[in-house]
Amino acid sequence: MCKLRATAALCLLAGMTAAAAPLPRPAPDLAINLAVNKQVRLSQYRGKTVVLAFILTYCSHCQAVVRGLIKDQEELGPKGLQVVACAIEDVAATAVPGFVRQFAPNFPVGYNTSAEAVKFLQHPPMMGFFMPALVFIDKNGVIRAQYEGRDDMLKESVQEKNVRDKILEMMNQGAPATPGKAPGKKGAGKKG
């Protein structure tokens, strides 16, 4: 787990209320910078299940999550999954190209400020902000779950399986139940 310690994030946190954001909630149309004058917007992926990963390029926990998401995108992308990663360290604009060369993700990786990530996540001001942060957005653009680095969901020994299970749960929401089987439990997730 990497703890983000950025002055911008702390300033933004000081101005927010202590209550965690309710789930589900509409996902803001975040614009993620891919390069100078080039962005991707979350709204471009309406109709797909989206996993938005806020990361630090130098964080080993974030790198492990990205490795798992690369596998998920490869297998589940054709079935409607779209992964997007957003680096948020102070030097993210210069760090992302090297990160992309090193890990060769099969999904967009861009950057934003830590303040934009904290605002998007509606992170409570009195809690530490641990990386990575994963946001699960349904096909209608609604955030159904979000988790941060300290959450049990993202324990390094089980994170790949847990993330994949959550993706499959999200992709199957609204699908007809298989005859003879009880519908699965559909949790909203929790804010970590």
C-alpha atoms as a PDB file:
ATOM      1  CA  MET A   1       0.000   0.000   0.000  1.00  0.00           C
ATOM      2  CA  CYS A   2       1.256   3.424  -0.804  1.00  0.00           C
ATOM      3  CA  LYS A   3       0.098   6.416   1.177  1.00  0.00           C
ATOM      4  CA  LEU A   4      -0.409   9.540  -0.869  1.00  0.00           C
ATOM      5  CA  ARG A   5       0.966  12.592   0.899  1.00  0.00           C
ATOM      6  CA  ALA A   6       0.298  15.522  -1.357  1.00  0.00           C
ATOM      7  CA  THR A   7      -0.323  19.065  -0.226  1.00  0.00           C
ATOM      8  CA  ALA A   8      -3.056  19.504  -2.816  1.00  0.00           C
ATOM      9  CA  ALA A   9      -4.926  16.464  -1.532  1.00  0.00           C
ATOM     10  CA  LEU A  10      -4.671  17.635   2.061  1.00  0.00           C
ATOM     11  CA  CYS A  11      -5.975  21.076   1.154  1.00  0.00           C
ATOM     12  CA  LEU A  12      -8.918  19.585  -0.687  1.00  0.00           C
ATOM     13  CA  LEU A  13      -9.576  17.136   2.130  1.00  0.00           C
ATOM     14  CA  ALA A  14      -9.761  19.954   4.661  1.00  0.00           C
ATOM     15  CA  GLY A  15     -12.652  21.507   2.742  1.00  0.00           C
ATOM     16  CA  MET A  16     -14.758  18.358   2.438  1.00  0.00           C
ATOM     17  CA  THR A  17     -17.359  17.030   4.847  1.00  0.00           C
ATOM     18  CA  ALA A  18     -16.568  14.039   7.037  1.00  0.00           C
ATOM     19  CA  ALA A  19     -19.287  11.794   5.615  1.00  0.00           C
ATOM     20  CA  ALA A  20     -18.334   9.204   3.041  1.00  0.00           C
ATOM     21  CA  ALA A  21     -20.052   9.380  -0.307  1.00  0.00           C
ATOM     22  CA  PRO A  22     -23.076   7.122  -0.644  1.00  0.00           C
ATOM     23  CA  LEU A  23     -23.030   4.183  -3.014  1.00  0.00           C
ATOM     24  CA  PRO A  24     -24.331   3.834  -5.615  1.00  0.00           C
ATOM     25  CA  ARG A  25     -23.871   7.311  -7.081  1.00  0.00           C
ATOM     26  CA  PRO A  26     -23.446   8.729 -10.593  1.00  0.00           C
ATOM     27  CA  ALA A  27     -19.841   8.800 -11.777  1.00  0.00           C
ATOM     28  CA  PRO A  28     -18.608  12.296 -12.609  1.00  0.00           C
ATOM     29  CA  ASP A  29     -17.377  12.572 -16.197  1.00  0.00           C
ATOM     30  CA  LEU A  30     -13.698  12.599 -15.307  1.00  0.00           C
ATOM     31  CA  ALA A  31     -11.310  13.659 -18.062  1.00  0.00           C
ATOM     32  CA  ILE A  32      -8.011  11.771 -17.812  1.00  0.00           C
ATOM     33  CA  ASN A  33      -4.978  13.297 -19.513  1.00  0.00           C
ATOM     34  CA  LEU A  34      -3.177  10.867 -21.801  1.00  0.00           C
ATOM     35  CA  ALA A  35      -0.744  13.402 -23.257  1.00  0.00           C
ATOM     36  CA  VAL A  36      -0.631  17.110 -23.941  1.00  0.00           C
ATOM     37  CA  ASN A  37      -3.978  18.031 -25.542  1.00  0.00           C
ATOM     38  CA  LYS A  38      -5.151  14.404 -25.511  1.00  0.00           C
ATOM     39  CA  GLN A  39      -7.712  13.086 -23.028  1.00  0.00           C
ATOM     40  CA  VAL A  40     -10.097  10.230 -22.479  1.00  0.00           C
ATOM     41  CA  ARG A  41     -13.406  10.822 -20.688  1.00  0.00           C
ATOM     42  CA  LEU A  42     -15.254   8.250 -18.624  1.00  0.00           C
ATOM     43  CA  SER A  43     -18.445   9.015 -20.561  1.00  0.00           C
ATOM     44  CA  GLN A  44     -16.786   7.500 -23.660  1.00  0.00           C
ATOM     45  CA  TYR A  45     -17.250   4.103 -22.044  1.00  0.00           C
ATOM     46  CA  ARG A  46     -20.957   4.318 -21.275  1.00  0.00           C
ATOM     47  CA  GLY A  47     -22.446   0.922 -22.052  1.00  0.00           C
ATOM     48  CA  LYS A  48     -19.388  -0.916 -20.706  1.00  0.00           C
ATOM     49  CA  THR A  49     -18.420  -2.027 -17.221  1.00  0.00           C
ATOM     50  CA  VAL A  50     -15.539   0.264 -16.223  1.00  0.00           C
ATOM     51  CA  VAL A  51     -12.796  -0.236 -13.667  1.00  0.00           C
ATOM     52  CA  LEU A  52     -11.044   3.051 -12.942  1.00  0.00           C
ATOM     53  CA  ALA A  53      -7.732   2.557 -11.128  1.00  0.00           C
ATOM     54  CA  PHE A  54      -6.121   5.535  -9.420  1.00  0.00           C
ATOM     55  CA  ILE A  55      -2.450   4.623  -9.020  1.00  0.00           C
ATOM     56  CA  LEU A  56       1.024   5.860  -8.200  1.00  0.00           C
ATOM     57  CA  THR A  57       3.431   4.653 -10.885  1.00  0.00           C
ATOM     58  CA  TYR A  58       6.157   3.828  -8.334  1.00  0.00           C
ATOM     59  CA  CYS A  59       3.847   1.965  -5.903  1.00  0.00           C
ATOM     60  CA  SER A  60       4.444  -1.816  -5.944  1.00  0.00           C
ATOM     61  CA  HIS A  61       0.875  -2.489  -4.749  1.00  0.00           C
ATOM     62  CA  CYS A  62      -0.490  -0.347  -7.611  1.00  0.00           C
ATOM     63  CA  GLN A  63       1.770  -2.149 -10.086  1.00  0.00           C
ATOM     64  CA  ALA A  64       0.459  -5.533  -8.907  1.00  0.00           C
ATOM     65  CA  VAL A  65      -3.127  -4.354  -9.374  1.00  0.00           C
ATOM     66  CA  VAL A  66      -2.295  -3.120 -12.886  1.00  0.00           C
ATOM     67  CA  ARG A  67      -0.787  -6.505 -13.786  1.00  0.00           C
ATOM     68  CA  GLY A  68      -4.049  -8.192 -12.769  1.00  0.00           C
ATOM     69  CA  LEU A  69      -6.149  -5.628 -14.622  1.00  0.00           C
ATOM     70  CA  ILE A  70      -4.118  -6.251 -17.793  1.00  0.00           C
ATOM     71  CA  LYS A  71      -5.216  -9.919 -17.616  1.00  0.00           C
ATOM     72  CA  ASP A  72      -8.820  -8.922 -16.913  1.00  0.00           C
ATOM     73  CA  GLN A  73      -8.897  -6.480 -19.848  1.00  0.00           C
ATOM     74  CA  GLU A  74      -7.421  -9.071 -22.184  1.00  0.00           C
ATOM     75  CA  GLU A  75      -9.989 -11.712 -21.295  1.00  0.00           C
ATOM     76  CA  LEU A  76     -13.064  -9.631 -20.486  1.00  0.00           C
ATOM     77  CA  GLY A  77     -12.601  -6.616 -22.763  1.00  0.00           C
ATOM     78  CA  PRO A  78     -14.368  -8.333 -25.667  1.00  0.00           C
ATOM     79  CA  LYS A  79     -17.280  -9.037 -23.298  1.00  0.00           C
ATOM     80  CA  GLY A  80     -17.751  -5.397 -22.278  1.00  0.00           C
ATOM     81  CA  LEU A  81     -15.033  -4.497 -19.749  1.00  0.00           C
ATOM     82  CA  GLN A  82     -13.023  -1.292 -20.012  1.00  0.00           C
ATOM     83  CA  VAL A  83     -10.159  -0.625 -17.610  1.00  0.00           C
ATOM     84  CA  VAL A  84      -8.702   2.882 -17.315  1.00  0.00           C
ATOM     85  CA  ALA A  85      -5.784   3.829 -15.047  1.00  0.00           C
ATOM     86  CA  CYS A  86      -4.958   7.287 -13.771  1.00  0.00           C
ATOM     87  CA  ALA A  87      -1.638   8.113 -12.092  1.00  0.00           C
ATOM     88  CA  ILE A  88      -1.922  10.876  -9.525  1.00  0.00           C
ATOM     89  CA  GLU A  89       1.550  11.541  -8.128  1.00  0.00           C
ATOM     90  CA  ASP A  90       2.989  15.042  -8.502  1.00  0.00           C
ATOM     91  CA  VAL A  91       5.167  14.034 -11.473  1.00  0.00           C
ATOM     92  CA  ALA A  92       2.602  11.756 -13.108  1.00  0.00           C
ATOM     93  CA  ALA A  93       2.760  13.510 -16.488  1.00  0.00           C
ATOM     94  CA  THR A  94       6.435  12.609 -16.830  1.00  0.00           C
ATOM     95  CA  ALA A  95       6.185   9.203 -15.076  1.00  0.00           C
ATOM     96  CA  VAL A  96       3.319   7.723 -17.122  1.00  0.00           C
ATOM     97  CA  PRO A  97       5.241   7.193 -20.408  1.00  0.00           C
ATOM     98  CA  GLY A  98       7.893   5.076 -18.642  1.00  0.00           C
ATOM     99  CA  PHE A  99       5.203   3.174 -16.742  1.00  0.00           C
ATOM    100  CA  VAL A 100       3.401   2.412 -20.007  1.00  0.00           C
ATOM    101  CA  ARG A 101       6.660   1.203 -21.618  1.00  0.00           C
ATOM    102  CA  GLN A 102       7.431  -1.012 -18.622  1.00  0.00           C
ATOM    103  CA  PHE A 103       4.005  -2.623 -18.133  1.00  0.00           C
ATOM    104  CA  ALA A 104       2.506  -2.372 -21.659  1.00  0.00           C
ATOM    105  CA  PRO A 105      -1.111  -2.110 -20.446  1.00  0.00           C
ATOM    106  CA  ASN A 106      -3.846  -2.926 -22.943  1.00  0.00           C
ATOM    107  CA  PHE A 107      -5.976  -0.040 -21.660  1.00  0.00           C
ATOM    108  CA  PRO A 108      -5.535   3.735 -21.403  1.00  0.00           C
ATOM    109  CA  VAL A 109      -3.198   4.999 -18.677  1.00  0.00           C
ATOM    110  CA  GLY A 110      -3.175   8.713 -18.042  1.00  0.00           C
ATOM    111  CA  TYR A 111      -2.781  11.195 -15.234  1.00  0.00           C
ATOM    112  CA  ASN A 112      -4.611  13.749 -13.118  1.00  0.00           C
ATOM    113  CA  THR A 113      -3.903  15.564  -9.893  1.00  0.00           C
ATOM    114  CA  SER A 114      -4.327  13.905  -6.536  1.00  0.00           C
ATOM    115  CA  ALA A 115      -6.915  16.586  -5.702  1.00  0.00           C
ATOM    116  CA  GLU A 116      -9.031  15.480  -8.694  1.00  0.00           C
ATOM    117  CA  ALA A 117      -8.859  11.850  -7.539  1.00  0.00           C
ATOM    118  CA  VAL A 118      -9.836  12.727  -3.968  1.00  0.00           C
ATOM    119  CA  LYS A 119     -12.756  14.800  -5.264  1.00  0.00           C
ATOM    120  CA  PHE A 120     -13.892  12.011  -7.627  1.00  0.00           C
ATOM    121  CA  LEU A 121     -13.737   9.446  -4.817  1.00  0.00           C
ATOM    122  CA  GLN A 122     -15.394  11.836  -2.344  1.00  0.00           C
ATOM    123  CA  HIS A 123     -12.773  10.673   0.131  1.00  0.00           C
ATOM    124  CA  PRO A 124     -13.468  11.547   3.812  1.00  0.00           C
ATOM    125  CA  PRO A 125     -11.092  14.204   5.137  1.00  0.00           C
ATOM    126  CA  MET A 126     -10.127  12.484   8.374  1.00  0.00           C
ATOM    127  CA  MET A 127      -9.018   9.234   6.763  1.00  0.00           C
ATOM    128  CA  GLY A 128      -5.637   8.427   5.265  1.00  0.00           C
ATOM    129  CA  PHE A 129      -5.662   7.971   1.505  1.00  0.00           C
ATOM    130  CA  PHE A 130      -4.013   4.680   0.573  1.00  0.00           C
ATOM    131  CA  MET A 131      -3.265   3.559  -2.949  1.00  0.00           C
ATOM    132  CA  PRO A 132      -4.332   2.039  -5.237  1.00  0.00           C
ATOM    133  CA  ALA A 133      -7.963   3.117  -5.383  1.00  0.00           C
ATOM    134  CA  LEU A 134     -10.322   1.132  -7.607  1.00  0.00           C
ATOM    135  CA  VAL A 135     -13.728   2.355  -8.743  1.00  0.00           C
ATOM    136  CA  PHE A 136     -16.269  -0.019 -10.303  1.00  0.00           C
ATOM    137  CA  ILE A 137     -18.701   1.746 -12.639  1.00  0.00           C
ATOM    138  CA  ASP A 138     -21.681   0.000 -14.213  1.00  0.00           C
ATOM    139  CA  LYS A 139     -22.817   0.205 -17.837  1.00  0.00           C
ATOM    140  CA  ASN A 140     -25.073   3.160 -16.995  1.00  0.00           C
ATOM    141  CA  GLY A 141     -22.260   5.268 -15.537  1.00  0.00           C
ATOM    142  CA  VAL A 142     -23.085   4.594 -11.875  1.00  0.00           C
ATOM    143  CA  ILE A 143     -20.364   3.933  -9.279  1.00  0.00           C
ATOM    144  CA  ARG A 144     -21.359   0.695  -7.568  1.00  0.00           C
ATOM    145  CA  ALA A 145     -18.245   0.122  -5.460  1.00  0.00           C
ATOM    146  CA  GLN A 146     -14.884   1.654  -4.659  1.00  0.00           C
ATOM    147  CA  TYR A 147     -11.961   0.384  -2.643  1.00  0.00           C
ATOM    148  CA  GLU A 148      -8.676   1.850  -1.453  1.00  0.00           C
ATOM    149  CA  GLY A 149      -5.355   0.147  -0.770  1.00  0.00           C
ATOM    150  CA  ARG A 150      -5.984  -0.783   2.868  1.00  0.00           C
ATOM    151  CA  ASP A 151      -9.306  -2.480   2.150  1.00  0.00           C
ATOM    152  CA  ASP A 152      -9.399  -6.260   2.610  1.00  0.00           C
ATOM    153  CA  MET A 153     -10.578  -6.478  -1.008  1.00  0.00           C
ATOM    154  CA  LEU A 154      -7.111  -5.325  -2.094  1.00  0.00           C
ATOM    155  CA  LYS A 155      -4.914  -7.418   0.209  1.00  0.00           C
ATOM    156  CA  GLU A 156      -2.044  -8.332  -2.041  1.00  0.00           C
ATOM    157  CA  SER A 157      -2.466 -12.090  -1.560  1.00  0.00           C
ATOM    158  CA  VAL A 158      -6.081 -12.061  -2.815  1.00  0.00           C
ATOM    159  CA  GLN A 159      -6.491  -8.843  -4.788  1.00  0.00           C
ATOM    160  CA  GLU A 160      -6.326 -10.361  -8.265  1.00  0.00           C
ATOM    161  CA  LYS A 161      -9.107 -12.873  -7.499  1.00  0.00           C
ATOM    162  CA  ASN A 162     -11.216 -10.340  -5.594  1.00  0.00           C
ATOM    163  CA  VAL A 163     -10.990  -7.713  -8.336  1.00  0.00           C
ATOM    164  CA  ARG A 164     -11.853 -10.256 -11.018  1.00  0.00           C
ATOM    165  CA  ASP A 165     -14.812 -11.531  -8.987  1.00  0.00           C
ATOM    166  CA  LYS A 166     -16.086  -7.966  -8.572  1.00  0.00           C
ATOM    167  CA  ILE A 167     -15.707  -7.318 -12.300  1.00  0.00           C
ATOM    168  CA  LEU A 168     -17.671 -10.464 -13.134  1.00  0.00           C
ATOM    169  CA  GLU A 169     -20.365  -9.512 -10.623  1.00  0.00           C
ATOM    170  CA  MET A 170     -20.655  -6.067 -12.223  1.00  0.00           C
ATOM    171  CA  MET A 171     -20.745  -7.482 -15.745  1.00  0.00           C
ATOM    172  CA  ASN A 172     -23.491  -9.934 -14.770  1.00  0.00           C
ATOM    173  CA  GLN A 173     -25.761  -7.381 -13.103  1.00  0.00           C
ATOM    174  CA  GLY A 174     -29.022  -7.286 -14.943  1.00  0.00           C
ATOM    175  CA  ALA A 175     -28.315 -10.567 -16.742  1.00  0.00           C
ATOM    176  CA  PRO A 176     -31.107 -13.133 -16.626  1.00  0.00           C
ATOM    177  CA  ALA A 177     -30.690 -15.785 -13.930  1.00  0.00           C
ATOM    178  CA  THR A 178     -29.689 -19.253 -15.090  1.00  0.00           C
ATOM    179  CA  PRO A 179     -32.670 -21.640 -14.771  1.00  0.00           C
ATOM    180  CA  GLY A 180     -32.388 -23.825 -11.680  1.00  0.00           C
ATOM    181  CA  LYS A 181     -29.872 -21.537  -9.950  1.00  0.00           C
ATOM    182  CA  ALA A 182     -30.556 -18.966  -7.280  1.00  0.00           C
ATOM    183  CA  PRO A 183     -29.455 -15.456  -8.180  1.00  0.00           C
ATOM    184  CA  GLY A 184     -26.113 -14.459  -6.659  1.00  0.00           C
ATOM    185  CA  LYS A 185     -25.706 -11.910  -3.895  1.00  0.00           C
ATOM    186  CA  LYS A 186     -25.131  -8.458  -5.298  1.00  0.00           C
ATOM    187  CA  GLY A 187     -23.387  -6.184  -2.824  1.00  0.00           C
ATOM    188  CA  ALA A 188     -22.812  -2.513  -3.400  1.00  0.00           C
ATOM    189  CA  GLY A 189     -19.244  -2.778  -2.196  1.00  0.00           C
ATOM    190  CA  LYS A 190     -17.829  -0.478   0.374  1.00  0.00           C
ATOM    191  CA  LYS A 191     -15.779   2.582   0.473  1.00  0.00           C
ATOM    192  CA  GLY A 192     -12.342   1.720   1.780  1.00  0.00           C
END
